[in-house]
Amino acid sequence: MDGGDIEPSGTALRQPETFDHFPDVSATARQEFFERAPGGVEAGTGPVDGLALGATLYIPGIEPGIFAKLGQTLDIGALAAVICLEDSVRLEDVPAAEVNVVTSLRRAAADPSIKVPPLLFLRPRTPEQLISVGRDLGSVLPLLRGICVPKFSSRSGEGWLSAVDLLADELGHHLSVMPILEGPAALHRESRLAEFLTLRSVLLDRKEHVPVVRIGGTDLCGLLGLRRRADETIYDLGPVRDAILDMVNVFTRNDDFLVSGPVWEYFHSDERLWKPQLRTSLFDSEGADLRSSLISRHLDGLIKEVLADRANGLTGKTVIHPSHIRPVNALHTVTFEEWVDASNIMSSSHEGGVQVSAFSNKMNEAGPHRLWAERVLARGQVFGVLREGTTFVSLLDS
C-alpha cells in the first residue's frame, strides 16, 4: 500500500502531555464538583492503564478527516479511541481504508497542531494486515498505543501475539493488546469456560501489555439473533449476560485483568416499549430539563447499563457516538461516600476487622472489602472524587 510521503518532523512524535476525561468542565465547576480533581492520563508509549480508558470511541478507518473527528471528541473527554479496519469497513473499501489510516497517522505525526488521543488503538482485520500497516507506518507506529484484536480466540490468539512481537522486534515499539471476545467459543455454554481459562493462561504471560479484555457484545448477540432495545441493557439478554459474567469470573480473579463493558449502539430516537429508566429522584427540580434531554436521546438506557457494568465488575465502555462520552466518564467518577469508605478500609489492619461506615449506613470489613477499596481509590485518582452531595448528574449538566 502507499500511504504517501508525509513523515514526522524531529525525533519525538509527541511531547508528554496530561489529559483528563472532563476537559470542557470549567475551572470554577471543577472546584464546585470535585473533592479531588481528575488525575487523567499522561501521553506516552508505555503500557496502558486499562482503568483510564473510560469511554472508548470507535471510528471507521475509511472515515475522511479521522483526526478532525478524534480532536473534537478529545475536547469532550474521549481519551481512548479505536480506528477500525474490521467490521466497520466494507471489504471493497479495505485498501482505501488502509491508505487513509497510514496517511492520517503520518500527517498527525508531522503536524503538532493535530490532536491525537493519548490512548489510540488500531483494530486490524488480520495479523497479516497488522504487520503490513505497521511496516507502512514505520517510525510513526508509536502514535498507536496498541491494537484491539477482533474475534480473539484460543485458535487465533497466538497468530496475533506473534504479529505484535514481530513489529516490536522490527520497529522497537511494543503495542498493547486489547483482545475482543466475540466468537462462538466465547458464547456457547459447553465451550466458554475452557476457552476463557486457556486465554487467561496465554495472556498472563504478557499481562503488563493487556489493558483490558473487551466484550464483543454485538457479535455475541448476533450469534443468537438477539438485539437489546434502547430501553434494555445487555444484562436483560440472559444468554449473553451469562457469558459476560463468566468472563468477569475468570479474567478478573486475583485482580489479573480488567474487563470492559460492551458497545452501546443507540444514538437516535425510536418508539419506546418501557418507561424511562432514569429515576426522577436522581434529578432535583433544576435537573428536570436534563432528564428530559437524556431520555429524548435514549441515554437513559446507556446510563442504566453502565451502572450495571460497574455493579458486575466491568470498567470502561465502547461507544460509537460523541453523546455517549460524557455519561460514561461521569459514571466512572468516585462518590465522596465511596472514597471515604475505601480510604477507611485501606487504613485498617490487614488482619481484618469490621467497622461502621462513617456514614452510619453500612459495615466495612477490612478483609472482604479491601480489593473493592483498592479499585475505588485507583479509579478516583484517574476520574476524580466528587464532593459530598454531588452526583454524576452535575457533570452531565455542566
Protein backbone atom coordinates (compact mmCIF):
# COMPACT_ATOMS: atom_id res chain seq x y z
CA MET A 1 0.00 0.00 0.00
CA ASP A 2 1.08 3.60 -0.46
CA GLY A 3 0.40 5.90 2.47
CA GLY A 4 2.01 8.96 0.94
CA ASP A 5 5.33 10.56 1.69
CA ILE A 6 4.47 12.55 4.81
CA GLU A 7 7.00 11.95 7.55
CA PRO A 8 7.13 13.23 11.13
CA SER A 9 9.46 16.11 11.85
CA GLY A 10 12.06 15.64 14.59
CA THR A 11 12.80 12.55 16.61
CA ALA A 12 9.97 12.70 19.16
CA LEU A 13 6.46 12.18 17.85
CA ARG A 14 4.77 13.96 20.75
CA GLN A 15 5.90 15.74 23.89
CA PRO A 16 4.47 14.32 27.14
CA GLU A 17 1.13 15.87 27.97
CA THR A 18 -1.54 15.11 30.55
CA PHE A 19 -5.19 14.77 29.53
CA ASP A 20 -8.24 14.21 31.70
CA HIS A 21 -11.76 12.99 30.99
CA PHE A 22 -13.51 16.33 31.63
CA PRO A 23 -11.58 18.94 29.62
CA ASP A 24 -14.66 21.05 28.93
CA VAL A 25 -15.61 21.40 32.60
CA SER A 26 -14.58 24.88 33.67
CA ALA A 27 -12.13 25.56 36.48
CA THR A 28 -14.96 27.05 38.55
CA ALA A 29 -17.14 23.96 38.04
CA ARG A 30 -14.22 21.69 38.94
CA GLN A 31 -13.84 23.48 42.25
CA GLU A 32 -17.56 23.10 42.84
CA PHE A 33 -17.90 19.44 41.84
CA PHE A 34 -14.66 17.71 42.80
CA GLU A 35 -13.24 16.91 46.21
CA ARG A 36 -10.21 15.58 44.37
CA ALA A 37 -9.62 16.61 40.79
CA PRO A 38 -9.31 14.03 38.00
CA GLY A 39 -5.71 12.93 37.52
CA GLY A 40 -6.22 11.91 33.92
CA VAL A 41 -3.74 10.21 31.62
CA GLU A 42 -0.23 11.12 30.55
CA ALA A 43 0.52 10.61 26.87
CA GLY A 44 3.39 8.27 26.16
CA THR A 45 4.39 4.96 24.66
CA GLY A 46 4.46 2.66 27.70
CA PRO A 47 1.90 0.09 28.85
CA VAL A 48 -1.67 1.37 29.07
CA ASP A 49 -3.58 1.55 32.35
CA GLY A 50 -6.88 -0.05 31.38
CA LEU A 51 -8.68 1.73 34.20
CA ALA A 52 -8.07 5.04 32.43
CA LEU A 53 -9.81 4.11 29.16
CA GLY A 54 -13.27 5.30 30.16
CA ALA A 55 -15.48 5.95 27.13
CA THR A 56 -13.60 4.37 24.22
CA LEU A 57 -14.73 5.77 20.88
CA TYR A 58 -14.71 3.66 17.72
CA ILE A 59 -14.28 5.34 14.34
CA PRO A 60 -14.18 3.62 10.92
CA GLY A 61 -10.77 3.62 9.24
CA ILE A 62 -12.40 4.76 5.98
CA GLU A 63 -13.69 7.92 7.66
CA PRO A 64 -12.37 11.07 5.95
CA GLY A 65 -10.75 13.52 8.35
CA ILE A 66 -10.17 10.93 11.08
CA PHE A 67 -8.23 13.28 13.33
CA ALA A 68 -10.66 16.16 12.94
CA LYS A 69 -13.33 13.94 14.47
CA LEU A 70 -11.00 12.49 17.09
CA GLY A 71 -9.86 16.00 18.03
CA GLN A 72 -13.43 17.14 18.53
CA THR A 73 -14.23 14.20 20.77
CA LEU A 74 -10.96 14.58 22.66
CA ASP A 75 -12.19 18.05 23.54
CA ILE A 76 -15.10 16.46 25.41
CA GLY A 77 -13.13 13.72 27.12
CA ALA A 78 -12.62 10.72 24.80
CA LEU A 79 -9.04 9.92 25.76
CA ALA A 80 -9.28 6.43 24.24
CA ALA A 81 -10.14 5.83 20.59
CA VAL A 82 -10.03 2.90 18.20
CA ILE A 83 -9.54 3.32 14.46
CA CYS A 84 -11.32 0.31 12.99
CA LEU A 85 -10.29 -1.56 9.84
CA GLU A 86 -12.54 -4.53 10.55
CA ASP A 87 -16.35 -4.77 10.65
CA SER A 88 -16.93 -1.04 10.13
CA VAL A 89 -15.19 -1.13 6.71
CA ARG A 90 -16.66 -2.86 3.67
CA LEU A 91 -14.37 -5.44 2.12
CA GLU A 92 -14.09 -3.48 -1.11
CA ASP A 93 -13.01 -0.39 0.84
CA VAL A 94 -10.24 -2.06 2.86
CA PRO A 95 -7.31 -0.95 0.63
CA ALA A 96 -8.51 2.65 0.68
CA ALA A 97 -9.04 2.50 4.44
CA GLU A 98 -5.50 1.23 4.97
CA VAL A 99 -4.08 4.12 2.94
CA ASN A 100 -6.33 6.55 4.82
CA VAL A 101 -5.12 5.31 8.21
CA VAL A 102 -1.43 5.37 7.29
CA THR A 103 -1.66 8.80 5.66
CA SER A 104 -3.65 10.23 8.58
CA LEU A 105 -1.21 8.95 11.20
CA ARG A 106 1.79 10.25 9.25
CA ARG A 107 0.17 13.64 8.91
CA ALA A 108 -0.66 13.71 12.62
CA ALA A 109 2.94 12.86 13.49
CA ALA A 110 4.21 15.65 11.27
CA ASP A 111 1.78 18.31 12.49
CA PRO A 112 1.76 19.09 16.25
CA SER A 113 -1.50 21.04 15.83
CA ILE A 114 -3.39 17.80 15.13
CA LYS A 115 -4.94 16.43 18.30
CA VAL A 116 -4.18 12.78 18.97
CA PRO A 117 -5.92 10.89 21.80
CA PRO A 118 -3.29 9.62 24.25
CA LEU A 119 -4.81 6.13 24.16
CA LEU A 120 -5.09 5.49 20.43
CA PHE A 121 -5.63 1.94 19.16
CA LEU A 122 -5.99 0.25 15.79
CA ARG A 123 -8.43 -2.58 15.12
CA PRO A 124 -6.99 -4.56 12.18
CA ARG A 125 -8.73 -7.41 10.39
CA THR A 126 -5.92 -9.99 10.44
CA PRO A 127 -2.40 -10.40 11.81
CA GLU A 128 -1.12 -10.05 8.25
CA GLN A 129 -2.85 -6.69 7.86
CA LEU A 130 -1.43 -5.54 11.19
CA ILE A 131 2.11 -6.35 10.04
CA SER A 132 1.56 -4.64 6.68
CA VAL A 133 0.07 -1.46 8.15
CA GLY A 134 2.65 -1.42 10.94
CA ARG A 135 5.53 -1.60 8.48
CA ASP A 136 4.00 1.17 6.37
CA LEU A 137 3.74 3.34 9.47
CA GLY A 138 7.35 2.69 10.35
CA SER A 139 8.65 5.37 12.72
CA VAL A 140 5.08 6.68 13.17
CA LEU A 141 3.87 3.42 14.77
CA PRO A 142 4.37 4.76 18.35
CA LEU A 143 1.38 7.08 17.83
CA LEU A 144 -0.61 3.88 18.36
CA ARG A 145 -0.63 2.68 21.94
CA GLY A 146 -1.97 -0.69 20.92
CA ILE A 147 -4.45 -2.79 18.98
CA CYS A 148 -7.92 -4.17 19.52
CA VAL A 149 -7.95 -7.77 18.33
CA PRO A 150 -11.27 -8.85 16.79
CA LYS A 151 -12.59 -12.35 17.43
CA PHE A 152 -9.65 -13.21 19.67
CA SER A 153 -9.72 -16.91 20.49
CA SER A 154 -7.52 -19.81 21.54
CA ARG A 155 -7.15 -20.63 17.84
CA SER A 156 -6.27 -17.13 16.60
CA GLY A 157 -4.55 -15.67 19.64
CA GLU A 158 -1.00 -16.89 19.04
CA GLY A 159 -1.02 -15.52 15.49
CA TRP A 160 -1.99 -12.07 16.72
CA LEU A 161 0.54 -12.07 19.54
CA SER A 162 3.29 -13.20 17.18
CA ALA A 163 2.46 -10.29 14.84
CA VAL A 164 2.75 -7.86 17.76
CA ASP A 165 6.10 -9.35 18.74
CA LEU A 166 7.35 -9.15 15.15
CA LEU A 167 6.57 -5.43 14.92
CA ALA A 168 8.20 -4.86 18.31
CA ASP A 169 11.38 -6.56 17.06
CA GLU A 170 11.39 -4.69 13.74
CA LEU A 171 10.28 -1.22 14.86
CA GLY A 172 11.09 -1.12 18.57
CA HIS A 173 7.54 -0.33 19.70
CA HIS A 174 5.54 -2.90 21.69
CA LEU A 175 1.82 -2.48 21.07
CA SER A 176 -0.58 -3.15 23.92
CA VAL A 177 -3.25 -5.73 23.11
CA MET A 178 -6.96 -5.49 23.90
CA PRO A 179 -8.45 -8.87 22.92
CA ILE A 180 -12.11 -8.82 21.94
CA LEU A 181 -14.05 -11.94 22.92
CA GLU A 182 -16.92 -12.28 20.49
CA GLY A 183 -16.88 -15.69 18.80
CA PRO A 184 -18.93 -18.88 19.31
CA ALA A 185 -16.37 -20.33 21.72
CA ALA A 186 -16.85 -17.31 23.99
CA LEU A 187 -20.64 -17.65 23.98
CA HIS A 188 -21.57 -21.32 23.86
CA ARG A 189 -22.04 -22.79 27.31
CA GLU A 190 -20.20 -26.03 26.56
CA SER A 191 -17.03 -24.28 25.37
CA ARG A 192 -16.65 -20.92 27.04
CA LEU A 193 -15.16 -21.82 30.43
CA ALA A 194 -12.38 -23.88 28.85
CA GLU A 195 -11.87 -21.13 26.28
CA PHE A 196 -11.61 -18.38 28.90
CA LEU A 197 -9.22 -20.39 31.07
CA THR A 198 -6.98 -21.09 28.08
CA LEU A 199 -6.96 -17.44 27.02
CA ARG A 200 -6.29 -16.29 30.55
CA SER A 201 -3.24 -18.55 30.70
CA VAL A 202 -1.98 -17.23 27.36
CA LEU A 203 -2.50 -13.57 28.29
CA LEU A 204 -0.97 -13.84 31.76
CA ASP A 205 2.45 -14.16 30.14
CA ARG A 206 2.07 -10.57 28.87
CA LYS A 207 -0.28 -9.16 31.46
CA GLU A 208 1.52 -5.80 31.52
CA HIS A 209 0.55 -5.23 27.88
CA VAL A 210 -3.13 -6.23 28.17
CA PRO A 211 -5.01 -3.15 29.45
CA VAL A 212 -8.45 -4.79 29.31
CA VAL A 213 -10.29 -7.73 27.88
CA ARG A 214 -13.06 -6.34 25.70
CA ILE A 215 -16.50 -7.85 25.08
CA GLY A 216 -17.84 -8.01 21.54
CA GLY A 217 -21.44 -7.53 22.60
CA THR A 218 -22.87 -7.02 19.12
CA ASP A 219 -21.27 -10.18 17.73
CA LEU A 220 -22.29 -12.24 20.77
CA CYS A 221 -25.88 -11.10 20.40
CA GLY A 222 -25.76 -11.75 16.67
CA LEU A 223 -24.79 -15.38 17.18
CA LEU A 224 -28.21 -15.95 18.77
CA GLY A 225 -30.17 -13.44 16.70
CA LEU A 226 -30.61 -11.13 19.69
CA ARG A 227 -30.51 -7.35 19.97
CA ARG A 228 -31.26 -5.28 23.04
CA ARG A 229 -33.60 -2.34 22.65
CA ALA A 230 -32.59 1.16 23.69
CA ASP A 231 -34.57 0.75 26.90
CA GLU A 232 -32.94 -2.59 27.74
CA THR A 233 -29.43 -3.43 28.89
CA ILE A 234 -27.16 -6.26 27.80
CA TYR A 235 -27.97 -7.91 31.13
CA ASP A 236 -31.59 -8.34 30.06
CA LEU A 237 -30.41 -10.82 27.40
CA GLY A 238 -29.83 -13.90 29.53
CA PRO A 239 -27.51 -15.99 27.32
CA VAL A 240 -25.20 -13.03 26.65
CA ARG A 241 -25.33 -11.91 30.27
CA ASP A 242 -24.22 -15.34 31.43
CA ALA A 243 -21.23 -15.30 29.06
CA ILE A 244 -20.21 -11.84 30.29
CA LEU A 245 -20.40 -12.91 33.92
CA ASP A 246 -18.21 -15.92 33.17
CA MET A 247 -15.65 -13.59 31.57
CA VAL A 248 -15.59 -11.46 34.70
CA ASN A 249 -15.33 -14.55 36.90
CA VAL A 250 -12.34 -15.95 35.01
CA PHE A 251 -10.36 -12.89 33.93
CA THR A 252 -10.69 -10.60 36.95
CA ARG A 253 -9.85 -13.21 39.61
CA ASN A 254 -6.71 -12.32 41.55
CA ASP A 255 -7.13 -8.84 40.07
CA ASP A 256 -5.28 -10.09 36.98
CA PHE A 257 -7.24 -8.32 34.22
CA LEU A 258 -9.95 -5.73 33.71
CA VAL A 259 -12.99 -6.49 31.56
CA SER A 260 -14.54 -3.61 29.63
CA GLY A 261 -18.24 -3.04 29.00
CA PRO A 262 -19.74 -3.89 25.58
CA VAL A 263 -20.59 -1.26 22.99
CA TRP A 264 -23.71 0.86 23.37
CA GLU A 265 -25.14 1.20 19.86
CA TYR A 266 -28.10 3.58 20.18
CA PHE A 267 -27.90 7.28 19.48
CA HIS A 268 -31.24 8.16 17.90
CA SER A 269 -34.88 8.06 18.94
CA ASP A 270 -37.36 5.30 18.22
CA GLU A 271 -40.60 4.11 19.75
CA ARG A 272 -40.34 3.20 23.42
CA LEU A 273 -41.68 -0.01 24.88
CA TRP A 274 -40.91 0.61 28.56
CA LYS A 275 -40.99 3.66 30.75
CA PRO A 276 -37.77 5.71 31.06
CA GLN A 277 -35.10 4.15 33.25
CA LEU A 278 -33.81 7.31 34.97
CA ARG A 279 -35.39 7.79 38.38
CA THR A 280 -36.72 11.29 38.93
CA SER A 281 -35.05 11.22 42.35
CA LEU A 282 -31.66 11.44 40.67
CA PHE A 283 -32.55 14.92 39.49
CA ASP A 284 -33.61 17.91 41.57
CA SER A 285 -36.07 20.43 40.17
CA GLU A 286 -33.28 22.19 38.31
CA GLY A 287 -32.32 18.91 36.62
CA ALA A 288 -35.73 18.17 35.11
CA ASP A 289 -34.78 19.57 31.71
CA LEU A 290 -31.59 17.50 31.71
CA ARG A 291 -33.55 14.35 32.49
CA SER A 292 -35.90 15.04 29.58
CA SER A 293 -32.95 15.66 27.29
CA LEU A 294 -31.24 12.41 28.27
CA ILE A 295 -34.45 10.44 27.75
CA SER A 296 -35.07 12.01 24.34
CA ARG A 297 -31.60 10.93 23.22
CA HIS A 298 -32.03 7.44 24.69
CA LEU A 299 -29.12 7.95 27.02
CA ASP A 300 -31.10 6.72 30.00
CA GLY A 301 -30.61 3.14 28.79
CA LEU A 302 -26.89 3.78 28.44
CA ILE A 303 -26.68 5.16 31.97
CA LYS A 304 -28.55 2.16 33.35
CA GLU A 305 -26.23 -0.22 31.51
CA VAL A 306 -23.03 1.49 32.69
CA LEU A 307 -24.28 1.25 36.27
CA ALA A 308 -24.95 -2.45 35.68
CA ASP A 309 -21.50 -2.84 34.13
CA ARG A 310 -19.89 -1.39 37.22
CA ALA A 311 -22.03 -3.47 39.57
CA ASN A 312 -20.83 -6.60 37.77
CA GLY A 313 -17.14 -5.67 37.86
CA LEU A 314 -16.66 -4.16 34.39
CA THR A 315 -14.84 -0.89 33.74
CA GLY A 316 -14.92 1.46 30.76
CA LYS A 317 -17.20 1.11 27.75
CA THR A 318 -17.03 1.08 23.98
CA VAL A 319 -19.06 3.92 22.45
CA ILE A 320 -19.82 4.96 18.89
CA HIS A 321 -21.22 8.48 19.31
CA PRO A 322 -19.97 11.66 20.99
CA SER A 323 -23.15 11.92 23.05
CA HIS A 324 -22.07 8.78 24.94
CA ILE A 325 -18.72 10.11 26.12
CA ARG A 326 -19.72 12.39 29.00
CA PRO A 327 -22.26 9.98 30.60
CA VAL A 328 -19.79 7.07 30.56
CA ASN A 329 -16.93 9.12 32.00
CA ALA A 330 -19.14 10.85 34.57
CA LEU A 331 -20.34 7.48 35.83
CA HIS A 332 -16.73 6.45 36.46
CA THR A 333 -16.10 9.23 38.94
CA VAL A 334 -15.94 8.19 42.60
CA THR A 335 -18.56 9.49 45.01
CA PHE A 336 -17.48 11.09 48.25
CA GLU A 337 -19.04 8.25 50.24
CA GLU A 338 -17.22 5.59 48.20
CA TRP A 339 -13.92 7.42 48.66
CA VAL A 340 -14.31 7.82 52.44
CA ASP A 341 -15.31 4.18 52.87
CA ALA A 342 -12.46 2.96 50.66
CA SER A 343 -9.91 5.16 52.45
CA ASN A 344 -11.04 3.88 55.85
CA ILE A 345 -10.88 0.26 54.70
CA MET A 346 -7.36 0.71 53.33
CA SER A 347 -6.21 2.32 56.57
CA SER A 348 -7.48 -0.67 58.56
CA SER A 349 -5.31 -3.55 59.68
CA HIS A 350 -4.60 -6.31 57.17
CA GLU A 351 -5.54 -8.72 59.93
CA GLY A 352 -9.21 -7.99 59.32
CA GLY A 353 -11.91 -6.50 61.47
CA VAL A 354 -15.14 -4.66 60.86
CA GLN A 355 -16.20 -1.09 61.46
CA VAL A 356 -19.28 1.03 60.92
CA SER A 357 -19.04 3.31 57.90
CA ALA A 358 -18.53 6.99 58.68
CA PHE A 359 -21.97 7.45 57.11
CA SER A 360 -23.61 5.04 59.61
CA ASN A 361 -25.35 3.13 56.84
CA LYS A 362 -23.18 0.05 56.25
CA MET A 363 -20.47 -2.17 57.67
CA ASN A 364 -16.96 -2.03 56.20
CA GLU A 365 -14.92 -5.23 56.54
CA ALA A 366 -11.17 -4.78 56.11
CA GLY A 367 -10.66 -8.21 54.56
CA PRO A 368 -13.50 -8.82 52.07
CA HIS A 369 -13.78 -5.15 51.03
CA ARG A 370 -10.06 -4.45 50.54
CA LEU A 371 -9.89 -5.25 46.81
CA TRP A 372 -13.01 -3.16 46.22
CA ALA A 373 -11.40 -0.30 48.13
CA GLU A 374 -8.17 -0.53 46.12
CA ARG A 375 -10.13 -0.29 42.88
CA VAL A 376 -12.20 2.65 44.11
CA LEU A 377 -9.13 4.64 45.12
CA ALA A 378 -7.41 3.86 41.82
CA ARG A 379 -10.49 4.99 39.89
CA GLY A 380 -10.67 8.16 41.95
CA GLN A 381 -7.09 9.04 41.03
CA VAL A 382 -7.99 8.92 37.33
CA PHE A 383 -11.58 10.17 37.17
CA GLY A 384 -11.68 12.27 40.33
CA VAL A 385 -13.67 12.21 43.56
CA LEU A 386 -16.94 14.13 43.74
CA ARG A 387 -17.73 16.44 46.63
CA GLU A 388 -20.21 15.31 49.26
CA GLY A 389 -23.75 15.71 47.97
CA THR A 390 -22.60 15.88 44.32
CA THR A 391 -23.51 13.17 41.77
CA PHE A 392 -22.62 12.41 38.19
CA VAL A 393 -25.70 14.44 37.19
CA SER A 394 -23.80 17.65 37.98
CA LEU A 395 -21.14 16.71 35.45
CA LEU A 396 -23.73 15.88 32.82
CA ASP A 397 -25.33 19.26 33.28
CA SER A 398 -22.09 21.29 33.36
